[in-house]
PDB file of N, CA and C in Angstrom:
ATOM      1  N   MET A   1     159.735 114.572  94.881  1.00  0.00           N
ATOM      2  CA  MET A   1     160.276 114.133  93.610  1.00  0.00           C
ATOM      3  C   MET A   1     159.207 113.507  92.733  1.00  0.00           C
ATOM      4  N   ALA A   2     158.223 112.892  93.334  1.00  0.00           N
ATOM      5  CA  ALA A   2     157.173 112.261  92.533  1.00  0.00           C
ATOM      6  C   ALA A   2     156.373 113.284  91.746  1.00  0.00           C
ATOM      7  N   ASP A   3     156.493 114.562  92.141  1.00  0.00           N
ATOM      8  CA  ASP A   3     155.812 115.603  91.371  1.00  0.00           C
ATOM      9  C   ASP A   3     156.659 116.044  90.182  1.00  0.00           C
ATOM     10  N   GLY A   4     157.794 115.365  89.955  1.00  0.00           N
ATOM     11  CA  GLY A   4     158.625 115.641  88.787  1.00  0.00           C
ATOM     12  C   GLY A   4     159.771 116.598  89.019  1.00  0.00           C
ATOM     13  N   LYS A   5     159.881 117.146  90.211  1.00  0.00           N
ATOM     14  CA  LYS A   5     160.978 118.070  90.487  1.00  0.00           C
ATOM     15  C   LYS A   5     161.357 118.013  91.956  1.00  0.00           C
ATOM     16  N   ILE A   6     162.597 118.312  92.222  1.00  0.00           N
ATOM     17  CA  ILE A   6     163.081 118.365  93.592  1.00  0.00           C
ATOM     18  C   ILE A   6     163.428 119.819  93.874  1.00  0.00           C
ATOM     19  N   ASN A   7     162.788 120.393  94.877  1.00  0.00           N
ATOM     20  CA  ASN A   7     163.131 121.779  95.191  1.00  0.00           C
ATOM     21  C   ASN A   7     164.136 121.821  96.337  1.00  0.00           C
ATOM     22  N   SER A   8     164.655 122.984  96.601  1.00  0.00           N
ATOM     23  CA  SER A   8     165.735 123.115  97.580  1.00  0.00           C
ATOM     24  C   SER A   8     165.302 122.697  98.984  1.00  0.00           C
ATOM     25  N   SER A   9     164.041 122.922  99.363  1.00  0.00           N
ATOM     26  CA  SER A   9     163.602 122.522 100.699  1.00  0.00           C
ATOM     27  C   SER A   9     163.600 121.002 100.846  1.00  0.00           C
ATOM     28  N   GLU A  10     163.278 120.286  99.774  1.00  0.00           N
ATOM     29  CA  GLU A  10     163.303 118.824  99.820  1.00  0.00           C
ATOM     30  C   GLU A  10     164.744 118.316  99.953  1.00  0.00           C
ATOM     31  N   VAL A  11     165.646 118.912  99.191  1.00  0.00           N
ATOM     32  CA  VAL A  11     167.059 118.523  99.266  1.00  0.00           C
ATOM     33  C   VAL A  11     167.612 118.798 100.661  1.00  0.00           C
ATOM     34  N   GLU A  12     167.309 119.957 101.212  1.00  0.00           N
ATOM     35  CA  GLU A  12     167.803 120.308 102.544  1.00  0.00           C
ATOM     36  C   GLU A  12     167.251 119.374 103.607  1.00  0.00           C
ATOM     37  N   PHE A  13     165.999 118.986 103.471  1.00  0.00           N
ATOM     38  CA  PHE A  13     165.415 118.063 104.437  1.00  0.00           C
ATOM     39  C   PHE A  13     166.107 116.707 104.361  1.00  0.00           C
ATOM     40  N   ILE A  14     166.353 116.219 103.168  1.00  0.00           N
ATOM     41  CA  ILE A  14     167.051 114.941 102.989  1.00  0.00           C
ATOM     42  C   ILE A  14     168.455 115.022 103.583  1.00  0.00           C
ATOM     43  N   LYS A  15     169.148 116.143 103.361  1.00  0.00           N
ATOM     44  CA  LYS A  15     170.486 116.334 103.935  1.00  0.00           C
ATOM     45  C   LYS A  15     170.427 116.320 105.468  1.00  0.00           C
ATOM     46  N   LYS A  16     169.399 116.936 106.016  1.00  0.00           N
ATOM     47  CA  LYS A  16     169.242 116.985 107.475  1.00  0.00           C
ATOM     48  C   LYS A  16     169.059 115.578 108.042  1.00  0.00           C
ATOM     49  N   ILE A  17     168.219 114.778 107.396  1.00  0.00           N
ATOM     50  CA  ILE A  17     168.035 113.396 107.840  1.00  0.00           C
ATOM     51  C   ILE A  17     169.357 112.634 107.734  1.00  0.00           C
ATOM     52  N   ALA A  18     170.072 112.844 106.639  1.00  0.00           N
ATOM     53  CA  ALA A  18     171.351 112.156 106.432  1.00  0.00           C
ATOM     54  C   ALA A  18     172.352 112.526 107.520  1.00  0.00           C
ATOM     55  N   ARG A  19     172.406 113.808 107.889  1.00  0.00           N
ATOM     56  CA  ARG A  19     173.332 114.231 108.955  1.00  0.00           C
ATOM     57  C   ARG A  19     173.016 113.492 110.255  1.00  0.00           C
ATOM     58  N   ARG A  20     171.740 113.349 110.564  1.00  0.00           N
ATOM     59  CA  ARG A  20     171.343 112.641 111.790  1.00  0.00           C
ATOM     60  C   ARG A  20     171.758 111.178 111.742  1.00  0.00           C
ATOM     61  N   MET A  21     171.863 110.645 110.530  1.00  0.00           N
ATOM     62  CA  MET A  21     172.242 109.247 110.358  1.00  0.00           C
ATOM     63  C   MET A  21     173.742 109.093 110.078  1.00  0.00           C
ATOM     64  N   ASP A  22     174.483 110.202 110.214  1.00  0.00           N
ATOM     65  CA  ASP A  22     175.931 110.219 109.959  1.00  0.00           C
ATOM     66  C   ASP A  22     176.299 109.783 108.547  1.00  0.00           C
ATOM     67  N   ILE A  23     175.479 110.188 107.583  1.00  0.00           N
ATOM     68  CA  ILE A  23     175.770 109.907 106.171  1.00  0.00           C
ATOM     69  C   ILE A  23     176.395 111.169 105.590  1.00  0.00           C
ATOM     70  N   PRO A  24     177.592 111.059 105.018  1.00  0.00           N
ATOM     71  CA  PRO A  24     178.268 112.245 104.473  1.00  0.00           C
ATOM     72  C   PRO A  24     177.449 112.927 103.369  1.00  0.00           C
ATOM     73  N   ASN A  25     177.515 114.244 103.339  1.00  0.00           N
ATOM     74  CA  ASN A  25     176.791 115.031 102.344  1.00  0.00           C
ATOM     75  C   ASN A  25     177.153 114.603 100.921  1.00  0.00           C
ATOM     76  N   LYS A  26     178.419 114.295 100.700  1.00  0.00           N
ATOM     77  CA  LYS A  26     178.875 113.876  99.373  1.00  0.00           C
ATOM     78  C   LYS A  26     178.141 112.604  98.923  1.00  0.00           C
ATOM     79  N   GLU A  27     177.950 111.681  99.849  1.00  0.00           N
ATOM     80  CA  GLU A  27     177.252 110.429  99.533  1.00  0.00           C
ATOM     81  C   GLU A  27     175.783 110.694  99.202  1.00  0.00           C
ATOM     82  N   VAL A  28     175.162 111.587  99.954  1.00  0.00           N
ATOM     83  CA  VAL A  28     173.767 111.938  99.701  1.00  0.00           C
ATOM     84  C   VAL A  28     173.623 112.549  98.312  1.00  0.00           C
ATOM     85  N   MET A  29     174.477 113.486  97.990  1.00  0.00           N
ATOM     86  CA  MET A  29     174.389 114.164  96.702  1.00  0.00           C
ATOM     87  C   MET A  29     174.659 113.198  95.549  1.00  0.00           C
ATOM     88  N   SER A  30     175.530 112.219  95.772  1.00  0.00           N
ATOM     89  CA  SER A  30     175.810 111.250  94.701  1.00  0.00           C
ATOM     90  C   SER A  30     174.582 110.379  94.422  1.00  0.00           C
ATOM     91  N   LEU A  31     173.724 110.189  95.424  1.00  0.00           N
ATOM     92  CA  LEU A  31     172.510 109.396  95.213  1.00  0.00           C
ATOM     93  C   LEU A  31     171.511 110.115  94.308  1.00  0.00           C
ATOM     94  N   PHE A  32     171.557 111.445  94.301  1.00  0.00           N
ATOM     95  CA  PHE A  32     170.687 112.179  93.380  1.00  0.00           C
ATOM     96  C   PHE A  32     171.124 111.942  91.936  1.00  0.00           C
ATOM     97  N   GLU A  33     172.431 111.807  91.737  1.00  0.00           N
ATOM     98  CA  GLU A  33     172.965 111.588  90.391  1.00  0.00           C
ATOM     99  C   GLU A  33     172.882 110.122  89.980  1.00  0.00           C
ATOM    100  N   ASN A  34     173.068 109.227  90.941  1.00  0.00           N
ATOM    101  CA  ASN A  34     173.073 107.787  90.676  1.00  0.00           C
ATOM    102  C   ASN A  34     172.201 107.068  91.706  1.00  0.00           C
ATOM    103  N   PRO A  35     170.885 107.129  91.557  1.00  0.00           N
ATOM    104  CA  PRO A  35     170.004 106.488  92.547  1.00  0.00           C
ATOM    105  C   PRO A  35     170.291 104.993  92.685  1.00  0.00           C
ATOM    106  N   GLN A  36     170.204 104.514  93.901  1.00  0.00           N
ATOM    107  CA  GLN A  36     170.439 103.109  94.200  1.00  0.00           C
ATOM    108  C   GLN A  36     169.171 102.516  94.798  1.00  0.00           C
ATOM    109  N   PRO A  37     168.892 101.236  94.521  1.00  0.00           N
ATOM    110  CA  PRO A  37     167.723 100.616  95.159  1.00  0.00           C
ATOM    111  C   PRO A  37     167.951 100.510  96.667  1.00  0.00           C
ATOM    112  N   SER A  38     166.886 100.665  97.415  1.00  0.00           N
ATOM    113  CA  SER A  38     167.023 100.556  98.868  1.00  0.00           C
ATOM    114  C   SER A  38     167.049  99.090  99.267  1.00  0.00           C
ATOM    115  N   GLY A  39     167.708  98.836 100.369  1.00  0.00           N
ATOM    116  CA  GLY A  39     167.771  97.483 100.896  1.00  0.00           C
ATOM    117  C   GLY A  39     166.518  97.165 101.683  1.00  0.00           C
ATOM    118  N   PRO A  40     166.310  95.901 101.992  1.00  0.00           N
ATOM    119  CA  PRO A  40     165.116  95.521 102.744  1.00  0.00           C
ATOM    120  C   PRO A  40     165.174  96.046 104.179  1.00  0.00           C
ATOM    121  N   LEU A  41     164.030  96.448 104.689  1.00  0.00           N
ATOM    122  CA  LEU A  41     163.906  96.870 106.080  1.00  0.00           C
ATOM    123  C   LEU A  41     163.258  95.713 106.825  1.00  0.00           C
ATOM    124  N   PHE A  42     163.870  95.298 107.904  1.00  0.00           N
ATOM    125  CA  PHE A  42     163.424  94.077 108.535  1.00  0.00           C
ATOM    126  C   PHE A  42     162.459  94.273 109.691  1.00  0.00           C
ATOM    127  N   SER A  43     162.759  95.145 110.615  1.00  0.00           N
ATOM    128  CA  SER A  43     161.893  95.258 111.782  1.00  0.00           C
ATOM    129  C   SER A  43     160.717  96.182 111.511  1.00  0.00           C
ATOM    130  N   GLU A  44     159.680  95.984 112.274  1.00  0.00           N
ATOM    131  CA  GLU A  44     158.494  96.820 112.143  1.00  0.00           C
ATOM    132  C   GLU A  44     158.837  98.284 112.436  1.00  0.00           C
ATOM    133  N   VAL A  45     159.652  98.507 113.441  1.00  0.00           N
ATOM    134  CA  VAL A  45     160.051  99.876 113.798  1.00  0.00           C
ATOM    135  C   VAL A  45     160.812 100.525 112.650  1.00  0.00           C
ATOM    136  N   GLU A  46     161.698  99.778 112.004  1.00  0.00           N
ATOM    137  CA  GLU A  46     162.433 100.322 110.856  1.00  0.00           C
ATOM    138  C   GLU A  46     161.484 100.681 109.715  1.00  0.00           C
ATOM    139  N   ARG A  47     160.520  99.830 109.449  1.00  0.00           N
ATOM    140  CA  ARG A  47     159.569 100.106 108.369  1.00  0.00           C
ATOM    141  C   ARG A  47     158.718 101.330 108.677  1.00  0.00           C
ATOM    142  N   ILE A  48     158.223 101.429 109.906  1.00  0.00           N
ATOM    143  CA  ILE A  48     157.412 102.576 110.302  1.00  0.00           C
ATOM    144  C   ILE A  48     158.235 103.854 110.219  1.00  0.00           C
ATOM    145  N   THR A  49     159.443 103.816 110.740  1.00  0.00           N
ATOM    146  CA  THR A  49     160.314 104.993 110.732  1.00  0.00           C
ATOM    147  C   THR A  49     160.627 105.433 109.313  1.00  0.00           C
ATOM    148  N   HIS A  50     160.997 104.494 108.474  1.00  0.00           N
ATOM    149  CA  HIS A  50     161.340 104.808 107.087  1.00  0.00           C
ATOM    150  C   HIS A  50     160.126 105.369 106.354  1.00  0.00           C
ATOM    151  N   PHE A  51     158.975 104.762 106.547  1.00  0.00           N
ATOM    152  CA  PHE A  51     157.757 105.214 105.891  1.00  0.00           C
ATOM    153  C   PHE A  51     157.409 106.638 106.326  1.00  0.00           C
ATOM    154  N   TYR A  52     157.516 106.909 107.606  1.00  0.00           N
ATOM    155  CA  TYR A  52     157.208 108.250 108.109  1.00  0.00           C
ATOM    156  C   TYR A  52     158.179 109.282 107.541  1.00  0.00           C
ATOM    157  N   LYS A  53     159.447 108.927 107.424  1.00  0.00           N
ATOM    158  CA  LYS A  53     160.422 109.847 106.824  1.00  0.00           C
ATOM    159  C   LYS A  53     160.059 110.145 105.369  1.00  0.00           C
ATOM    160  N   LEU A  54     159.571 109.143 104.654  1.00  0.00           N
ATOM    161  CA  LEU A  54     159.119 109.379 103.279  1.00  0.00           C
ATOM    162  C   LEU A  54     157.969 110.375 103.240  1.00  0.00           C
ATOM    163  N   ILE A  55     157.041 110.240 104.181  1.00  0.00           N
ATOM    164  CA  ILE A  55     155.919 111.180 104.246  1.00  0.00           C
ATOM    165  C   ILE A  55     156.430 112.591 104.535  1.00  0.00           C
ATOM    166  N   LEU A  56     157.376 112.707 105.455  1.00  0.00           N
ATOM    167  CA  LEU A  56     157.913 114.029 105.788  1.00  0.00           C
ATOM    168  C   LEU A  56     158.619 114.666 104.593  1.00  0.00           C
ATOM    169  N   VAL A  57     159.374 113.866 103.860  1.00  0.00           N
ATOM    170  CA  VAL A  57     160.038 114.383 102.656  1.00  0.00           C
ATOM    171  C   VAL A  57     158.993 114.856 101.651  1.00  0.00           C
ATOM    172  N   MET A  58     157.929 114.095 101.497  1.00  0.00           N
ATOM    173  CA  MET A  58     156.876 114.472 100.566  1.00  0.00           C
ATOM    174  C   MET A  58     156.255 115.814 100.961  1.00  0.00           C
ATOM    175  N   ASN A  59     156.129 116.071 102.254  1.00  0.00           N
ATOM    176  CA  ASN A  59     155.456 117.275 102.733  1.00  0.00           C
ATOM    177  C   ASN A  59     156.377 118.458 102.989  1.00  0.00           C
ATOM    178  N   VAL A  60     157.668 118.282 102.852  1.00  0.00           N
ATOM    179  CA  VAL A  60     158.597 119.343 103.219  1.00  0.00           C
ATOM    180  C   VAL A  60     158.417 120.611 102.377  1.00  0.00           C
ATOM    181  N   ASP A  61     157.947 120.476 101.153  1.00  0.00           N
ATOM    182  CA  ASP A  61     157.738 121.652 100.302  1.00  0.00           C
ATOM    183  C   ASP A  61     156.334 122.243 100.461  1.00  0.00           C
ATOM    184  N   ASN A  62     155.582 121.713 101.438  1.00  0.00           N
ATOM    185  CA  ASN A  62     154.217 122.171 101.724  1.00  0.00           C
ATOM    186  C   ASN A  62     153.261 122.001 100.546  1.00  0.00           C
ATOM    187  N   GLU A  63     153.590 121.083  99.662  1.00  0.00           N
ATOM    188  CA  GLU A  63     152.718 120.752  98.536  1.00  0.00           C
ATOM    189  C   GLU A  63     152.606 119.238  98.469  1.00  0.00           C
ATOM    190  N   THR A  64     151.389 118.766  98.348  1.00  0.00           N
ATOM    191  CA  THR A  64     151.179 117.335  98.218  1.00  0.00           C
ATOM    192  C   THR A  64     150.453 117.086  96.904  1.00  0.00           C
ATOM    193  N   HIS A  65     151.121 116.377  96.011  1.00  0.00           N
ATOM    194  CA  HIS A  65     150.562 116.071  94.704  1.00  0.00           C
ATOM    195  C   HIS A  65     150.063 114.626  94.682  1.00  0.00           C
ATOM    196  N   GLU A  66     149.065 114.383  93.874  1.00  0.00           N
ATOM    197  CA  GLU A  66     148.492 113.039  93.768  1.00  0.00           C
ATOM    198  C   GLU A  66     149.555 112.007  93.389  1.00  0.00           C
ATOM    199  N   LYS A  67     150.488 112.375  92.503  1.00  0.00           N
ATOM    200  CA  LYS A  67     151.558 111.446  92.114  1.00  0.00           C
ATOM    201  C   LYS A  67     152.440 111.098  93.312  1.00  0.00           C
ATOM    202  N   GLU A  68     152.662 112.068  94.198  1.00  0.00           N
ATOM    203  CA  GLU A  68     153.476 111.810  95.387  1.00  0.00           C
ATOM    204  C   GLU A  68     152.760 110.841  96.327  1.00  0.00           C
ATOM    205  N   ILE A  69     151.467 111.040  96.503  1.00  0.00           N
ATOM    206  CA  ILE A  69     150.702 110.153  97.376  1.00  0.00           C
ATOM    207  C   ILE A  69     150.681 108.734  96.809  1.00  0.00           C
ATOM    208  N   LEU A  70     150.495 108.613  95.513  1.00  0.00           N
ATOM    209  CA  LEU A  70     150.517 107.301  94.873  1.00  0.00           C
ATOM    210  C   LEU A  70     151.878 106.626  95.045  1.00  0.00           C
ATOM    211  N   ALA A  71     152.958 107.379  94.833  1.00  0.00           N
ATOM    212  CA  ALA A  71     154.314 106.829  95.013  1.00  0.00           C
ATOM    213  C   ALA A  71     154.520 106.405  96.465  1.00  0.00           C
ATOM    214  N   LEU A  72     154.069 107.227  97.393  1.00  0.00           N
ATOM    215  CA  LEU A  72     154.194 106.910  98.812  1.00  0.00           C
ATOM    216  C   LEU A  72     153.479 105.605  99.145  1.00  0.00           C
ATOM    217  N   LYS A  73     152.260 105.465  98.662  1.00  0.00           N
ATOM    218  CA  LYS A  73     151.497 104.244  98.938  1.00  0.00           C
ATOM    219  C   LYS A  73     152.148 103.023  98.298  1.00  0.00           C
ATOM    220  N   ASN A  74     152.726 103.187  97.114  1.00  0.00           N
ATOM    221  CA  ASN A  74     153.424 102.069  96.469  1.00  0.00           C
ATOM    222  C   ASN A  74     154.663 101.669  97.257  1.00  0.00           C
ATOM    223  N   PHE A  75     155.431 102.654  97.729  1.00  0.00           N
ATOM    224  CA  PHE A  75     156.581 102.338  98.585  1.00  0.00           C
ATOM    225  C   PHE A  75     156.102 101.629  99.844  1.00  0.00           C
ATOM    226  N   GLY A  76     155.020 102.147 100.414  1.00  0.00           N
ATOM    227  CA  GLY A  76     154.474 101.534 101.624  1.00  0.00           C
ATOM    228  C   GLY A  76     154.079 100.087 101.407  1.00  0.00           C
ATOM    229  N   LEU A  77     153.412  99.819 100.292  1.00  0.00           N
ATOM    230  CA  LEU A  77     153.025  98.434  99.993  1.00  0.00           C
ATOM    231  C   LEU A  77     154.234  97.524  99.933  1.00  0.00           C
ATOM    232  N   ARG A  78     155.307  98.008  99.333  1.00  0.00           N
ATOM    233  CA  ARG A  78     156.534  97.193  99.256  1.00  0.00           C
ATOM    234  C   ARG A  78     157.139  96.943 100.626  1.00  0.00           C
ATOM    235  N   MET A  79     156.807  97.820 101.581  1.00  0.00           N
ATOM    236  CA  MET A  79     157.315  97.654 102.948  1.00  0.00           C
ATOM    237  C   MET A  79     156.301  96.939 103.837  1.00  0.00           C
ATOM    238  N   GLY A  80     155.174  96.526 103.247  1.00  0.00           N
ATOM    239  CA  GLY A  80     154.156  95.842 104.023  1.00  0.00           C
ATOM    240  C   GLY A  80     153.240  96.787 104.781  1.00  0.00           C
ATOM    241  N   ILE A  81     153.123  98.011 104.310  1.00  0.00           N
ATOM    242  CA  ILE A  81     152.284  99.012 104.971  1.00  0.00           C
ATOM    243  C   ILE A  81     151.044  99.248 104.119  1.00  0.00           C
ATOM    244  N   ARG A  82     149.904  99.136 104.736  1.00  0.00           N
ATOM    245  CA  ARG A  82     148.627  99.265 104.032  1.00  0.00           C
ATOM    246  C   ARG A  82     148.375 100.711 103.599  1.00  0.00           C
ATOM    247  N   PRO A  83     147.778 100.908 102.429  1.00  0.00           N
ATOM    248  CA  PRO A  83     147.475 102.264 101.952  1.00  0.00           C
ATOM    249  C   PRO A  83     146.604 103.071 102.908  1.00  0.00           C
ATOM    250  N   ILE A  84     145.712 102.400 103.622  1.00  0.00           N
ATOM    251  CA  ILE A  84     144.848 103.130 104.569  1.00  0.00           C
ATOM    252  C   ILE A  84     145.655 103.758 105.697  1.00  0.00           C
ATOM    253  N   VAL A  85     146.790 103.145 106.034  1.00  0.00           N
ATOM    254  CA  VAL A  85     147.651 103.710 107.065  1.00  0.00           C
ATOM    255  C   VAL A  85     148.223 105.042 106.571  1.00  0.00           C
ATOM    256  N   ALA A  86     148.647 105.087 105.319  1.00  0.00           N
ATOM    257  CA  ALA A  86     149.140 106.343 104.744  1.00  0.00           C
ATOM    258  C   ALA A  86     148.049 107.401 104.783  1.00  0.00           C
ATOM    259  N   ASP A  87     146.827 107.020 104.426  1.00  0.00           N
ATOM    260  CA  ASP A  87     145.705 107.960 104.452  1.00  0.00           C
ATOM    261  C   ASP A  87     145.488 108.518 105.855  1.00  0.00           C
ATOM    262  N   GLN A  88     145.542 107.648 106.851  1.00  0.00           N
ATOM    263  CA  GLN A  88     145.321 108.084 108.234  1.00  0.00           C
ATOM    264  C   GLN A  88     146.429 109.017 108.714  1.00  0.00           C
ATOM    265  N   ILE A  89     147.670 108.711 108.350  1.00  0.00           N
ATOM    266  CA  ILE A  89     148.783 109.574 108.751  1.00  0.00           C
ATOM    267  C   ILE A  89     148.657 110.933 108.076  1.00  0.00           C
ATOM    268  N   LEU A  90     148.336 110.947 106.798  1.00  0.00           N
ATOM    269  CA  LEU A  90     148.169 112.209 106.086  1.00  0.00           C
ATOM    270  C   LEU A  90     147.051 113.054 106.703  1.00  0.00           C
ATOM    271  N   LYS A  91     145.959 112.419 107.091  1.00  0.00           N
ATOM    272  CA  LYS A  91     144.864 113.138 107.757  1.00  0.00           C
ATOM    273  C   LYS A  91     145.324 113.703 109.089  1.00  0.00           C
ATOM    274  N   LYS A  92     146.037 112.888 109.848  1.00  0.00           N
ATOM    275  CA  LYS A  92     146.511 113.306 111.172  1.00  0.00           C
ATOM    276  C   LYS A  92     147.490 114.472 111.061  1.00  0.00           C
ATOM    277  N   MET A  93     148.296 114.490 110.017  1.00  0.00           N
ATOM    278  CA  MET A  93     149.283 115.562 109.825  1.00  0.00           C
ATOM    279  C   MET A  93     148.620 116.926 109.700  1.00  0.00           C
ATOM    280  N   GLU A  94     147.410 116.947 109.165  1.00  0.00           N
ATOM    281  CA  GLU A  94     146.695 118.209 108.974  1.00  0.00           C
ATOM    282  C   GLU A  94     146.348 118.878 110.303  1.00  0.00           C
ATOM    283  N   HIS A  95     146.383 118.123 111.399  1.00  0.00           N
ATOM    284  CA  HIS A  95     146.060 118.660 112.720  1.00  0.00           C
ATOM    285  C   HIS A  95     147.241 119.379 113.368  1.00  0.00           C
ATOM    286  N   TYR A  96     148.400 119.337 112.732  1.00  0.00           N
ATOM    287  CA  TYR A  96     149.605 119.933 113.307  1.00  0.00           C
ATOM    288  C   TYR A  96     150.165 120.983 112.357  1.00  0.00           C
ATOM    289  N   ALA A  97     150.506 122.153 112.896  1.00  0.00           N
ATOM    290  CA  ALA A  97     150.996 123.267 112.072  1.00  0.00           C
ATOM    291  C   ALA A  97     152.245 122.877 111.288  1.00  0.00           C
ATOM    292  N   ASP A  98     153.132 122.129 111.914  1.00  0.00           N
ATOM    293  CA  ASP A  98     154.371 121.727 111.246  1.00  0.00           C
ATOM    294  C   ASP A  98     154.240 120.391 110.527  1.00  0.00           C
ATOM    295  N   LYS A  99     153.049 119.811 110.572  1.00  0.00           N
ATOM    296  CA  LYS A  99     152.734 118.517 109.951  1.00  0.00           C
ATOM    297  C   LYS A  99     153.537 117.358 110.534  1.00  0.00           C
ATOM    298  N   MET A 100     154.086 117.553 111.718  1.00  0.00           N
ATOM    299  CA  MET A 100     154.869 116.516 112.385  1.00  0.00           C
ATOM    300  C   MET A 100     153.964 115.800 113.391  1.00  0.00           C
ATOM    301  N   VAL A 101     153.633 114.566 113.094  1.00  0.00           N
ATOM    302  CA  VAL A 101     152.788 113.761 113.985  1.00  0.00           C
ATOM    303  C   VAL A 101     153.668 113.227 115.112  1.00  0.00           C
ATOM    304  N   PRO A 102     153.276 113.466 116.361  1.00  0.00           N
ATOM    305  CA  PRO A 102     154.065 112.925 117.473  1.00  0.00           C
ATOM    306  C   PRO A 102     154.161 111.402 117.386  1.00  0.00           C
ATOM    307  N   ALA A 103     155.271 110.871 117.840  1.00  0.00           N
ATOM    308  CA  ALA A 103     155.539 109.433 117.742  1.00  0.00           C
ATOM    309  C   ALA A 103     154.415 108.597 118.346  1.00  0.00           C
ATOM    310  N   GLU A 104     153.889 109.018 119.494  1.00  0.00           N
ATOM    311  CA  GLU A 104     152.848 108.219 120.138  1.00  0.00           C
ATOM    312  C   GLU A 104     151.568 108.176 119.292  1.00  0.00           C
ATOM    313  N   GLU A 105     151.256 109.270 118.586  1.00  0.00           N
ATOM    314  CA  GLU A 105     150.087 109.288 117.692  1.00  0.00           C
ATOM    315  C   GLU A 105     150.319 108.390 116.480  1.00  0.00           C
ATOM    316  N   LEU A 106     151.523 108.440 115.960  1.00  0.00           N
ATOM    317  CA  LEU A 106     151.885 107.605 114.819  1.00  0.00           C
ATOM    318  C   LEU A 106     151.758 106.122 115.183  1.00  0.00           C
ATOM    319  N   LEU A 107     152.254 105.768 116.348  1.00  0.00           N
ATOM    320  CA  LEU A 107     152.166 104.373 116.787  1.00  0.00           C
ATOM    321  C   LEU A 107     150.730 103.931 117.008  1.00  0.00           C
ATOM    322  N   LYS A 108     149.874 104.844 117.471  1.00  0.00           N
ATOM    323  CA  LYS A 108     148.461 104.512 117.645  1.00  0.00           C
ATOM    324  C   LYS A 108     147.839 104.128 116.294  1.00  0.00           C
ATOM    325  N   ILE A 109     148.172 104.875 115.255  1.00  0.00           N
ATOM    326  CA  ILE A 109     147.631 104.572 113.929  1.00  0.00           C
ATOM    327  C   ILE A 109     148.063 103.182 113.487  1.00  0.00           C
ATOM    328  N   PHE A 110     149.345 102.885 113.655  1.00  0.00           N
ATOM    329  CA  PHE A 110     149.840 101.565 113.240  1.00  0.00           C
ATOM    330  C   PHE A 110     149.224 100.451 114.080  1.00  0.00           C
ATOM    331  N   LYS A 111     149.021 100.682 115.363  1.00  0.00           N
ATOM    332  CA  LYS A 111     148.440  99.648 116.212  1.00  0.00           C
ATOM    333  C   LYS A 111     147.014  99.318 115.807  1.00  0.00           C
ATOM    334  N   ILE A 112     146.272 100.334 115.377  1.00  0.00           N
ATOM    335  CA  ILE A 112     144.884 100.098 114.947  1.00  0.00           C
ATOM    336  C   ILE A 112     144.830  99.112 113.805  1.00  0.00           C
ATOM    337  N   TYR A 113     145.752  99.256 112.847  1.00  0.00           N
ATOM    338  CA  TYR A 113     145.693  98.444 111.631  1.00  0.00           C
ATOM    339  C   TYR A 113     146.550  97.188 111.657  1.00  0.00           C
ATOM    340  N   TYR A 114     147.362  97.033 112.692  1.00  0.00           N
ATOM    341  CA  TYR A 114     148.260  95.875 112.697  1.00  0.00           C
ATOM    342  C   TYR A 114     148.130  95.010 113.947  1.00  0.00           C
ATOM    343  N   ASN A 115     147.118  95.222 114.734  1.00  0.00           N
ATOM    344  CA  ASN A 115     146.897  94.360 115.903  1.00  0.00           C
ATOM    345  C   ASN A 115     145.656  93.542 115.738  1.00  0.00           C
TER     346      ASN A 115
END
C-alpha cells in the first residue's frame, strides 16, 4: 500500500492472515474502507510477529518500493524496532525463494540487536 496501490495478491495475503486469526472477511474488508489505528503491542513476541507480518505483506506482490521500506521502518520505530533490524530481515529474505525467513533465523536477528 505504501507504493500507492493495493493489488489483489496483497489483499489475499491480508485475508489469509485474518483467517488464521479468526477475523471475519467482512471485518477485514471494512478496514480497507475505514482504516482504524492499531492498538499498542505489549510483548516483544507480539511486536516481532506483527513487524514480520508487515514485511511479508510488503513483499507479497514481489515488488519492494522505497516508500514501502520507509513506511515499514517508521512502523517499526513506533513499535520499538530499530531500522537496522528491518534492513537485516530484508537482506535475509533474499536468501529464500519464497522470502519467508524461518522463525529461528528471525529470532537470531532480533537477539543480535536487542541483547
